[in-house]
All heavy atoms as atom14 arrays in JSON, in Angstrom:
{
  "sequence": "KYTVYGAKELPADPENLENWILLRECESIKPSGLPIGQNTDEDIDHLN",
  "atom14_mask": [
    [1, 1, 1, 1, 1, 1, 1, 1, 1, 0, 0, 0, 0, 0],
    [1, 1, 1, 1, 1, 1, 1, 1, 1, 1, 1, 1, 0, 0],
    [1, 1, 1, 1, 1, 1, 1, 0, 0, 0, 0, 0, 0, 0],
    [1, 1, 1, 1, 1, 1, 1, 0, 0, 0, 0, 0, 0, 0],
    [1, 1, 1, 1, 1, 1, 1, 1, 1, 1, 1, 1, 0, 0],
    [1, 1, 1, 1, 0, 0, 0, 0, 0, 0, 0, 0, 0, 0],
    [1, 1, 1, 1, 1, 0, 0, 0, 0, 0, 0, 0, 0, 0],
    [1, 1, 1, 1, 1, 1, 1, 1, 1, 0, 0, 0, 0, 0],
    [1, 1, 1, 1, 1, 1, 1, 1, 1, 0, 0, 0, 0, 0],
    [1, 1, 1, 1, 1, 1, 1, 1, 0, 0, 0, 0, 0, 0],
    [1, 1, 1, 1, 1, 1, 1, 0, 0, 0, 0, 0, 0, 0],
    [1, 1, 1, 1, 1, 0, 0, 0, 0, 0, 0, 0, 0, 0],
    [1, 1, 1, 1, 1, 1, 1, 1, 0, 0, 0, 0, 0, 0],
    [1, 1, 1, 1, 1, 1, 1, 0, 0, 0, 0, 0, 0, 0],
    [1, 1, 1, 1, 1, 1, 1, 1, 1, 0, 0, 0, 0, 0],
    [1, 1, 1, 1, 1, 1, 1, 1, 0, 0, 0, 0, 0, 0],
    [1, 1, 1, 1, 1, 1, 1, 1, 0, 0, 0, 0, 0, 0],
    [1, 1, 1, 1, 1, 1, 1, 1, 1, 0, 0, 0, 0, 0],
    [1, 1, 1, 1, 1, 1, 1, 1, 0, 0, 0, 0, 0, 0],
    [1, 1, 1, 1, 1, 1, 1, 1, 1, 1, 1, 1, 1, 1],
    [1, 1, 1, 1, 1, 1, 1, 1, 0, 0, 0, 0, 0, 0],
    [1, 1, 1, 1, 1, 1, 1, 1, 0, 0, 0, 0, 0, 0],
    [1, 1, 1, 1, 1, 1, 1, 1, 0, 0, 0, 0, 0, 0],
    [1, 1, 1, 1, 1, 1, 1, 1, 1, 1, 1, 0, 0, 0],
    [1, 1, 1, 1, 1, 1, 1, 1, 1, 0, 0, 0, 0, 0],
    [1, 1, 1, 1, 1, 1, 0, 0, 0, 0, 0, 0, 0, 0],
    [1, 1, 1, 1, 1, 1, 1, 1, 1, 0, 0, 0, 0, 0],
    [1, 1, 1, 1, 1, 1, 0, 0, 0, 0, 0, 0, 0, 0],
    [1, 1, 1, 1, 1, 1, 1, 1, 0, 0, 0, 0, 0, 0],
    [1, 1, 1, 1, 1, 1, 1, 1, 1, 0, 0, 0, 0, 0],
    [1, 1, 1, 1, 1, 1, 1, 0, 0, 0, 0, 0, 0, 0],
    [1, 1, 1, 1, 1, 1, 0, 0, 0, 0, 0, 0, 0, 0],
    [1, 1, 1, 1, 0, 0, 0, 0, 0, 0, 0, 0, 0, 0],
    [1, 1, 1, 1, 1, 1, 1, 1, 0, 0, 0, 0, 0, 0],
    [1, 1, 1, 1, 1, 1, 1, 0, 0, 0, 0, 0, 0, 0],
    [1, 1, 1, 1, 1, 1, 1, 1, 0, 0, 0, 0, 0, 0],
    [1, 1, 1, 1, 0, 0, 0, 0, 0, 0, 0, 0, 0, 0],
    [1, 1, 1, 1, 1, 1, 1, 1, 1, 0, 0, 0, 0, 0],
    [1, 1, 1, 1, 1, 1, 1, 1, 0, 0, 0, 0, 0, 0],
    [1, 1, 1, 1, 1, 1, 1, 0, 0, 0, 0, 0, 0, 0],
    [1, 1, 1, 1, 1, 1, 1, 1, 0, 0, 0, 0, 0, 0],
    [1, 1, 1, 1, 1, 1, 1, 1, 1, 0, 0, 0, 0, 0],
    [1, 1, 1, 1, 1, 1, 1, 1, 0, 0, 0, 0, 0, 0],
    [1, 1, 1, 1, 1, 1, 1, 1, 0, 0, 0, 0, 0, 0],
    [1, 1, 1, 1, 1, 1, 1, 1, 0, 0, 0, 0, 0, 0],
    [1, 1, 1, 1, 1, 1, 1, 1, 1, 1, 0, 0, 0, 0],
    [1, 1, 1, 1, 1, 1, 1, 1, 0, 0, 0, 0, 0, 0],
    [1, 1, 1, 1, 1, 1, 1, 1, 0, 0, 0, 0, 0, 0]
  ],
  "atom14_positions": [
    [[206.4, 73.4, 233.79], [205.68, 72.79, 232.65], [204.18, 73.44, 232.74], [203.44, 73.41, 233.81], [205.56, 71.25, 232.89], [206.86, 70.55, 232.65], [206.66, 69.07, 232.79], [208.05, 68.36, 232.42], [207.94, 66.88, 232.53], [0.0, 0.0, 0.0], [0.0, 0.0, 0.0], [0.0, 0.0, 0.0], [0.0, 0.0, 0.0], [0.0, 0.0, 0.0]],
    [[203.73, 73.91, 231.48], [202.38, 74.44, 231.54], [201.88, 74.38, 230.1], [202.61, 74.2, 229.12], [202.46, 75.83, 231.9], [203.63, 76.73, 231.57], [203.59, 77.71, 230.57], [204.83, 76.61, 232.35], [204.61, 78.38, 230.19], [205.9, 77.42, 231.98], [205.81, 78.21, 231.04], [206.94, 79.01, 230.63], [0.0, 0.0, 0.0], [0.0, 0.0, 0.0]],
    [[200.5, 74.58, 229.94], [199.83, 74.5, 228.62], [199.26, 75.9, 228.51], [198.85, 76.4, 229.56], [198.91, 73.34, 228.44], [198.05, 73.33, 229.55], [199.6, 72.04, 228.33], [0.0, 0.0, 0.0], [0.0, 0.0, 0.0], [0.0, 0.0, 0.0], [0.0, 0.0, 0.0], [0.0, 0.0, 0.0], [0.0, 0.0, 0.0], [0.0, 0.0, 0.0]],
    [[198.98, 76.36, 227.32], [198.38, 77.55, 227.03], [197.21, 77.38, 226.0], [197.31, 76.6, 225.11], [199.34, 78.64, 226.59], [200.28, 79.16, 227.77], [200.14, 78.24, 225.4], [0.0, 0.0, 0.0], [0.0, 0.0, 0.0], [0.0, 0.0, 0.0], [0.0, 0.0, 0.0], [0.0, 0.0, 0.0], [0.0, 0.0, 0.0], [0.0, 0.0, 0.0]],
    [[196.09, 78.11, 226.29], [194.94, 77.87, 225.55], [194.5, 79.34, 224.93], [194.78, 80.34, 225.61], [193.83, 77.3, 226.41], [194.18, 75.86, 226.93], [194.99, 75.79, 228.08], [193.81, 74.75, 226.31], [195.31, 74.56, 228.74], [194.08, 73.48, 226.83], [194.82, 73.43, 228.03], [195.2, 72.18, 228.53], [0.0, 0.0, 0.0], [0.0, 0.0, 0.0]],
    [[193.6, 79.22, 223.99], [193.08, 80.48, 223.46], [191.71, 80.36, 222.92], [191.26, 79.19, 222.66], [0.0, 0.0, 0.0], [0.0, 0.0, 0.0], [0.0, 0.0, 0.0], [0.0, 0.0, 0.0], [0.0, 0.0, 0.0], [0.0, 0.0, 0.0], [0.0, 0.0, 0.0], [0.0, 0.0, 0.0], [0.0, 0.0, 0.0], [0.0, 0.0, 0.0]],
    [[191.06, 81.42, 222.83], [189.69, 81.43, 222.11], [189.37, 82.84, 221.66], [189.7, 83.84, 222.17], [188.67, 81.06, 223.29], [0.0, 0.0, 0.0], [0.0, 0.0, 0.0], [0.0, 0.0, 0.0], [0.0, 0.0, 0.0], [0.0, 0.0, 0.0], [0.0, 0.0, 0.0], [0.0, 0.0, 0.0], [0.0, 0.0, 0.0], [0.0, 0.0, 0.0]],
    [[188.7, 82.83, 220.48], [188.32, 84.22, 219.89], [187.1, 84.75, 220.57], [186.98, 85.91, 220.86], [188.04, 84.0, 218.37], [187.91, 85.25, 217.73], [187.67, 85.08, 216.11], [187.59, 86.42, 215.44], [187.4, 86.1, 213.97], [0.0, 0.0, 0.0], [0.0, 0.0, 0.0], [0.0, 0.0, 0.0], [0.0, 0.0, 0.0], [0.0, 0.0, 0.0]],
    [[186.19, 83.9, 221.0], [185.14, 84.18, 221.83], [184.99, 83.24, 222.95], [185.43, 82.05, 222.84], [183.75, 84.16, 220.96], [183.74, 85.12, 219.77], [182.45, 85.05, 219.04], [181.62, 84.07, 219.37], [182.3, 85.79, 218.11], [0.0, 0.0, 0.0], [0.0, 0.0, 0.0], [0.0, 0.0, 0.0], [0.0, 0.0, 0.0], [0.0, 0.0, 0.0]],
    [[184.43, 83.61, 224.09], [184.43, 82.76, 225.24], [183.48, 81.6, 225.02], [182.36, 81.81, 224.47], [183.93, 83.62, 226.47], [184.88, 84.44, 227.15], [184.23, 85.24, 228.31], [186.06, 83.77, 227.6], [0.0, 0.0, 0.0], [0.0, 0.0, 0.0], [0.0, 0.0, 0.0], [0.0, 0.0, 0.0], [0.0, 0.0, 0.0], [0.0, 0.0, 0.0]],
    [[184.04, 80.37, 225.33], [183.07, 79.12, 225.07], [181.87, 79.3, 226.04], [181.8, 80.01, 226.94], [184.08, 78.1, 225.48], [185.35, 78.63, 225.44], [185.32, 80.11, 225.8], [0.0, 0.0, 0.0], [0.0, 0.0, 0.0], [0.0, 0.0, 0.0], [0.0, 0.0, 0.0], [0.0, 0.0, 0.0], [0.0, 0.0, 0.0], [0.0, 0.0, 0.0]],
    [[180.86, 78.46, 225.63], [179.65, 78.44, 226.33], [179.97, 77.98, 227.8], [179.38, 78.42, 228.7], [178.55, 77.43, 225.73], [0.0, 0.0, 0.0], [0.0, 0.0, 0.0], [0.0, 0.0, 0.0], [0.0, 0.0, 0.0], [0.0, 0.0, 0.0], [0.0, 0.0, 0.0], [0.0, 0.0, 0.0], [0.0, 0.0, 0.0], [0.0, 0.0, 0.0]],
    [[180.73, 77.08, 227.95], [181.24, 76.57, 229.24], [182.73, 76.94, 229.31], [183.62, 76.0, 229.2], [181.08, 74.97, 229.4], [181.48, 74.48, 230.63], [181.62, 75.26, 231.61], [181.67, 73.24, 230.8], [0.0, 0.0, 0.0], [0.0, 0.0, 0.0], [0.0, 0.0, 0.0], [0.0, 0.0, 0.0], [0.0, 0.0, 0.0], [0.0, 0.0, 0.0]],
    [[183.09, 78.22, 229.77], [184.4, 78.68, 229.75], [185.44, 77.99, 230.71], [186.58, 78.07, 230.57], [184.3, 80.11, 229.94], [183.06, 80.22, 230.66], [182.11, 79.22, 230.21], [0.0, 0.0, 0.0], [0.0, 0.0, 0.0], [0.0, 0.0, 0.0], [0.0, 0.0, 0.0], [0.0, 0.0, 0.0], [0.0, 0.0, 0.0], [0.0, 0.0, 0.0]],
    [[184.81, 77.44, 231.77], [185.7, 76.84, 232.85], [186.26, 75.49, 232.28], [187.33, 75.14, 232.78], [184.87, 76.53, 234.05], [184.45, 77.81, 234.91], [183.34, 78.5, 234.28], [182.55, 77.97, 233.46], [183.11, 79.69, 234.56], [0.0, 0.0, 0.0], [0.0, 0.0, 0.0], [0.0, 0.0, 0.0], [0.0, 0.0, 0.0], [0.0, 0.0, 0.0]],
    [[185.72, 74.87, 231.31], [186.29, 73.48, 230.84], [187.26, 73.85, 229.81], [187.07, 74.36, 228.74], [185.04, 72.71, 230.27], [185.5, 71.39, 229.97], [186.77, 71.02, 229.89], [184.55, 70.48, 229.67], [0.0, 0.0, 0.0], [0.0, 0.0, 0.0], [0.0, 0.0, 0.0], [0.0, 0.0, 0.0], [0.0, 0.0, 0.0], [0.0, 0.0, 0.0]],
    [[188.57, 73.53, 230.15], [189.77, 73.67, 229.22], [189.55, 73.05, 227.83], [190.09, 73.33, 226.84], [190.97, 73.29, 229.8], [191.53, 74.19, 230.94], [192.77, 73.63, 231.66], [191.88, 75.54, 230.33], [0.0, 0.0, 0.0], [0.0, 0.0, 0.0], [0.0, 0.0, 0.0], [0.0, 0.0, 0.0], [0.0, 0.0, 0.0], [0.0, 0.0, 0.0]],
    [[188.73, 71.85, 227.93], [188.41, 71.2, 226.57], [187.69, 71.86, 225.59], [187.74, 71.66, 224.39], [187.78, 69.85, 226.9], [188.6, 68.83, 227.72], [187.89, 67.49, 227.92], [186.78, 67.43, 227.42], [188.56, 66.61, 228.66], [0.0, 0.0, 0.0], [0.0, 0.0, 0.0], [0.0, 0.0, 0.0], [0.0, 0.0, 0.0], [0.0, 0.0, 0.0]],
    [[187.05, 73.06, 226.03], [186.39, 73.84, 225.13], [187.27, 74.92, 224.55], [186.63, 75.83, 223.8], [185.07, 74.46, 225.89], [184.08, 73.39, 226.2], [183.96, 72.36, 225.51], [183.37, 73.58, 227.25], [0.0, 0.0, 0.0], [0.0, 0.0, 0.0], [0.0, 0.0, 0.0], [0.0, 0.0, 0.0], [0.0, 0.0, 0.0], [0.0, 0.0, 0.0]],
    [[188.49, 75.01, 224.89], [189.39, 76.04, 224.43], [190.28, 75.42, 223.41], [190.49, 74.17, 223.48], [190.17, 76.63, 225.57], [189.45, 77.43, 226.59], [188.45, 77.06, 227.41], [189.53, 78.9, 226.7], [187.97, 78.12, 228.11], [188.55, 79.1, 227.77], [190.29, 79.82, 226.21], [188.49, 80.64, 228.19], [190.18, 81.15, 226.62], [189.29, 81.53, 227.6]],
    [[190.9, 76.26, 222.53], [191.89, 75.8, 221.65], [193.24, 75.6, 222.33], [193.81, 76.6, 222.95], [192.05, 76.73, 220.48], [190.76, 77.03, 219.77], [193.14, 76.2, 219.41], [190.76, 78.06, 218.78], [0.0, 0.0, 0.0], [0.0, 0.0, 0.0], [0.0, 0.0, 0.0], [0.0, 0.0, 0.0], [0.0, 0.0, 0.0], [0.0, 0.0, 0.0]],
    [[193.82, 74.4, 222.27], [195.12, 74.25, 222.84], [196.17, 74.86, 221.85], [196.42, 74.41, 220.75], [195.46, 72.65, 223.0], [196.91, 72.29, 223.43], [197.2, 72.82, 224.81], [197.06, 70.85, 223.41], [0.0, 0.0, 0.0], [0.0, 0.0, 0.0], [0.0, 0.0, 0.0], [0.0, 0.0, 0.0], [0.0, 0.0, 0.0], [0.0, 0.0, 0.0]],
    [[196.91, 75.92, 222.39], [197.85, 76.61, 221.47], [199.15, 75.86, 221.49], [199.76, 75.68, 220.49], [198.0, 77.98, 222.04], [196.7, 78.91, 222.0], [197.07, 80.29, 222.65], [196.24, 79.05, 220.61], [0.0, 0.0, 0.0], [0.0, 0.0, 0.0], [0.0, 0.0, 0.0], [0.0, 0.0, 0.0], [0.0, 0.0, 0.0], [0.0, 0.0, 0.0]],
    [[199.69, 75.39, 222.66], [200.83, 74.65, 222.68], [201.24, 74.21, 224.22], [200.61, 74.77, 225.09], [202.02, 75.46, 222.17], [202.45, 76.68, 222.9], [203.9, 77.12, 222.39], [204.86, 76.12, 222.88], [206.09, 76.07, 222.29], [206.5, 76.91, 221.41], [206.89, 75.16, 222.76], [0.0, 0.0, 0.0], [0.0, 0.0, 0.0], [0.0, 0.0, 0.0]],
    [[202.07, 73.23, 224.29], [202.54, 72.76, 225.56], [203.99, 73.54, 225.73], [204.77, 73.72, 224.87], [202.65, 71.39, 225.65], [201.38, 70.55, 225.56], [201.49, 69.12, 225.64], [202.64, 68.61, 225.5], [200.53, 68.44, 225.79], [0.0, 0.0, 0.0], [0.0, 0.0, 0.0], [0.0, 0.0, 0.0], [0.0, 0.0, 0.0], [0.0, 0.0, 0.0]],
    [[204.24, 73.98, 226.96], [205.4, 74.69, 227.28], [206.16, 74.1, 228.48], [205.67, 73.53, 229.26], [205.07, 76.14, 227.64], [203.97, 76.97, 226.49], [0.0, 0.0, 0.0], [0.0, 0.0, 0.0], [0.0, 0.0, 0.0], [0.0, 0.0, 0.0], [0.0, 0.0, 0.0], [0.0, 0.0, 0.0], [0.0, 0.0, 0.0], [0.0, 0.0, 0.0]],
    [[207.45, 74.14, 228.24], [208.36, 73.73, 229.35], [209.69, 74.66, 229.52], [210.35, 75.02, 228.55], [209.03, 72.28, 229.26], [209.77, 71.68, 230.24], [210.28, 70.23, 230.16], [209.86, 69.68, 229.23], [210.94, 69.74, 230.98], [0.0, 0.0, 0.0], [0.0, 0.0, 0.0], [0.0, 0.0, 0.0], [0.0, 0.0, 0.0], [0.0, 0.0, 0.0]],
    [[209.79, 75.12, 230.75], [210.94, 76.05, 230.96], [212.16, 75.2, 231.05], [212.27, 74.16, 231.8], [210.64, 76.73, 232.32], [211.88, 77.51, 232.64], [0.0, 0.0, 0.0], [0.0, 0.0, 0.0], [0.0, 0.0, 0.0], [0.0, 0.0, 0.0], [0.0, 0.0, 0.0], [0.0, 0.0, 0.0], [0.0, 0.0, 0.0], [0.0, 0.0, 0.0]],
    [[213.24, 75.53, 230.39], [214.54, 74.77, 230.27], [215.65, 75.67, 230.75], [215.85, 76.76, 230.46], [214.85, 74.4, 228.78], [213.67, 73.56, 228.15], [216.14, 73.54, 228.74], [213.4, 72.28, 228.82], [0.0, 0.0, 0.0], [0.0, 0.0, 0.0], [0.0, 0.0, 0.0], [0.0, 0.0, 0.0], [0.0, 0.0, 0.0], [0.0, 0.0, 0.0]],
    [[216.35, 74.92, 231.65], [217.58, 75.5, 232.24], [218.76, 75.2, 231.3], [219.14, 74.07, 231.14], [217.79, 75.01, 233.74], [219.0, 75.71, 234.42], [219.04, 75.13, 235.8], [220.1, 75.79, 236.64], [220.16, 75.29, 238.09], [0.0, 0.0, 0.0], [0.0, 0.0, 0.0], [0.0, 0.0, 0.0], [0.0, 0.0, 0.0], [0.0, 0.0, 0.0]],
    [[219.5, 76.2, 230.75], [220.54, 75.8, 229.68], [221.42, 74.77, 230.16], [221.9, 73.97, 229.43], [221.14, 77.12, 229.39], [220.02, 78.07, 229.49], [219.25, 77.6, 230.69], [0.0, 0.0, 0.0], [0.0, 0.0, 0.0], [0.0, 0.0, 0.0], [0.0, 0.0, 0.0], [0.0, 0.0, 0.0], [0.0, 0.0, 0.0], [0.0, 0.0, 0.0]],
    [[222.04, 75.02, 231.41], [223.13, 74.18, 231.85], [222.67, 72.81, 232.32], [223.46, 71.81, 232.34], [223.89, 74.82, 233.03], [222.98, 74.81, 234.2], [0.0, 0.0, 0.0], [0.0, 0.0, 0.0], [0.0, 0.0, 0.0], [0.0, 0.0, 0.0], [0.0, 0.0, 0.0], [0.0, 0.0, 0.0], [0.0, 0.0, 0.0], [0.0, 0.0, 0.0]],
    [[221.42, 72.66, 232.67], [220.95, 71.42, 233.22], [221.5, 71.03, 234.56], [221.19, 70.04, 235.03], [0.0, 0.0, 0.0], [0.0, 0.0, 0.0], [0.0, 0.0, 0.0], [0.0, 0.0, 0.0], [0.0, 0.0, 0.0], [0.0, 0.0, 0.0], [0.0, 0.0, 0.0], [0.0, 0.0, 0.0], [0.0, 0.0, 0.0], [0.0, 0.0, 0.0]],
    [[221.97, 72.09, 235.33], [222.62, 71.74, 236.61], [221.51, 71.66, 237.65], [220.28, 72.25, 237.44], [223.58, 72.89, 236.95], [224.91, 73.04, 236.23], [225.69, 74.24, 236.64], [225.71, 71.74, 236.53], [0.0, 0.0, 0.0], [0.0, 0.0, 0.0], [0.0, 0.0, 0.0], [0.0, 0.0, 0.0], [0.0, 0.0, 0.0], [0.0, 0.0, 0.0]],
    [[221.72, 71.13, 238.79], [220.63, 70.9, 239.74], [220.31, 72.32, 240.39], [221.06, 73.29, 240.19], [221.45, 70.14, 240.92], [222.61, 69.49, 240.3], [223.05, 70.42, 239.18], [0.0, 0.0, 0.0], [0.0, 0.0, 0.0], [0.0, 0.0, 0.0], [0.0, 0.0, 0.0], [0.0, 0.0, 0.0], [0.0, 0.0, 0.0], [0.0, 0.0, 0.0]],
    [[219.11, 72.25, 241.08], [218.68, 73.64, 241.68], [219.75, 74.18, 242.56], [220.26, 73.47, 243.4], [217.26, 73.33, 242.4], [216.17, 72.99, 241.52], [216.95, 74.42, 243.29], [214.89, 72.57, 242.16], [0.0, 0.0, 0.0], [0.0, 0.0, 0.0], [0.0, 0.0, 0.0], [0.0, 0.0, 0.0], [0.0, 0.0, 0.0], [0.0, 0.0, 0.0]],
    [[219.91, 75.5, 242.5], [220.84, 76.21, 243.24], [222.21, 76.39, 242.54], [223.02, 77.21, 243.1], [0.0, 0.0, 0.0], [0.0, 0.0, 0.0], [0.0, 0.0, 0.0], [0.0, 0.0, 0.0], [0.0, 0.0, 0.0], [0.0, 0.0, 0.0], [0.0, 0.0, 0.0], [0.0, 0.0, 0.0], [0.0, 0.0, 0.0], [0.0, 0.0, 0.0]],
    [[222.4, 75.65, 241.48], [223.67, 75.79, 240.72], [223.41, 76.43, 239.44], [222.68, 75.81, 238.62], [224.33, 74.45, 240.59], [224.73, 73.77, 241.89], [225.34, 72.47, 241.62], [226.1, 72.28, 240.7], [225.01, 71.48, 242.55], [0.0, 0.0, 0.0], [0.0, 0.0, 0.0], [0.0, 0.0, 0.0], [0.0, 0.0, 0.0], [0.0, 0.0, 0.0]],
    [[223.81, 77.63, 239.17], [223.5, 78.49, 237.97], [224.7, 79.0, 237.3], [225.59, 79.54, 237.94], [222.57, 79.53, 238.25], [221.23, 79.08, 238.86], [220.57, 78.26, 238.35], [220.89, 79.8, 240.03], [0.0, 0.0, 0.0], [0.0, 0.0, 0.0], [0.0, 0.0, 0.0], [0.0, 0.0, 0.0], [0.0, 0.0, 0.0], [0.0, 0.0, 0.0]],
    [[224.75, 78.83, 235.93], [225.93, 79.38, 235.29], [225.4, 80.79, 234.65], [224.37, 81.22, 234.84], [226.29, 78.43, 233.96], [225.14, 78.52, 233.09], [226.5, 77.05, 234.46], [0.0, 0.0, 0.0], [0.0, 0.0, 0.0], [0.0, 0.0, 0.0], [0.0, 0.0, 0.0], [0.0, 0.0, 0.0], [0.0, 0.0, 0.0], [0.0, 0.0, 0.0]],
    [[226.45, 81.43, 234.03], [226.23, 82.78, 233.53], [225.1, 82.65, 232.39], [224.26, 83.42, 232.29], [227.46, 83.41, 233.03], [228.42, 83.86, 234.06], [228.03, 84.01, 235.16], [229.7, 84.08, 233.79], [0.0, 0.0, 0.0], [0.0, 0.0, 0.0], [0.0, 0.0, 0.0], [0.0, 0.0, 0.0], [0.0, 0.0, 0.0], [0.0, 0.0, 0.0]],
    [[225.29, 81.6, 231.68], [224.37, 81.25, 230.68], [222.92, 81.09, 231.26], [221.82, 81.58, 230.66], [224.63, 80.07, 229.78], [223.8, 79.83, 228.58], [224.26, 78.64, 227.74], [225.27, 77.94, 228.18], [223.67, 78.37, 226.67], [0.0, 0.0, 0.0], [0.0, 0.0, 0.0], [0.0, 0.0, 0.0], [0.0, 0.0, 0.0], [0.0, 0.0, 0.0]],
    [[222.8, 80.43, 232.33], [221.46, 80.24, 233.06], [220.84, 81.54, 233.47], [219.66, 81.8, 233.2], [221.66, 79.3, 234.3], [222.07, 77.95, 233.99], [221.73, 77.49, 232.83], [222.61, 77.29, 234.84], [0.0, 0.0, 0.0], [0.0, 0.0, 0.0], [0.0, 0.0, 0.0], [0.0, 0.0, 0.0], [0.0, 0.0, 0.0], [0.0, 0.0, 0.0]],
    [[221.72, 82.43, 233.98], [221.16, 83.79, 234.4], [220.79, 84.73, 233.31], [219.85, 85.37, 233.27], [222.31, 84.42, 235.32], [222.49, 83.58, 236.56], [221.77, 85.82, 235.79], [221.36, 83.27, 237.35], [0.0, 0.0, 0.0], [0.0, 0.0, 0.0], [0.0, 0.0, 0.0], [0.0, 0.0, 0.0], [0.0, 0.0, 0.0], [0.0, 0.0, 0.0]],
    [[221.56, 84.55, 232.12], [221.22, 85.34, 230.84], [219.87, 84.94, 230.47], [218.99, 85.7, 230.07], [222.24, 85.09, 229.88], [223.51, 85.89, 230.11], [223.56, 86.81, 230.92], [224.61, 85.52, 229.45], [0.0, 0.0, 0.0], [0.0, 0.0, 0.0], [0.0, 0.0, 0.0], [0.0, 0.0, 0.0], [0.0, 0.0, 0.0], [0.0, 0.0, 0.0]],
    [[219.56, 83.52, 230.48], [218.29, 83.03, 229.97], [217.17, 83.5, 230.99], [216.05, 83.75, 230.54], [218.4, 81.46, 229.91], [217.13, 80.85, 229.54], [216.8, 80.68, 228.17], [216.06, 80.34, 230.15], [215.61, 80.04, 228.14], [215.14, 79.9, 229.26], [0.0, 0.0, 0.0], [0.0, 0.0, 0.0], [0.0, 0.0, 0.0], [0.0, 0.0, 0.0]],
    [[217.5, 83.45, 232.23], [216.47, 83.82, 233.33], [215.97, 85.36, 232.93], [214.82, 85.53, 232.96], [217.16, 83.79, 234.62], [216.36, 84.35, 235.8], [215.22, 83.44, 236.22], [217.19, 84.78, 237.01], [0.0, 0.0, 0.0], [0.0, 0.0, 0.0], [0.0, 0.0, 0.0], [0.0, 0.0, 0.0], [0.0, 0.0, 0.0], [0.0, 0.0, 0.0]],
    [[217.02, 86.11, 232.69], [216.6, 87.6, 232.52], [215.93, 87.83, 231.18], [215.18, 88.72, 231.07], [217.89, 88.49, 232.59], [218.44, 88.5, 234.08], [217.76, 88.47, 234.92], [219.77, 88.51, 234.19], [0.0, 0.0, 0.0], [0.0, 0.0, 0.0], [0.0, 0.0, 0.0], [0.0, 0.0, 0.0], [0.0, 0.0, 0.0], [0.0, 0.0, 0.0]]
  ]
}
């Protein structure tokens, strides 16, 4: 899970994420939904 931010010019206080444009929230999804360590061919295709 992660969020990505952007700016055309560096903000005056660039360390503060609130001064950046929130582009979107992201979540990595495993197609099969299986537990960690169990991967289908579809999971590996998505990984690559």
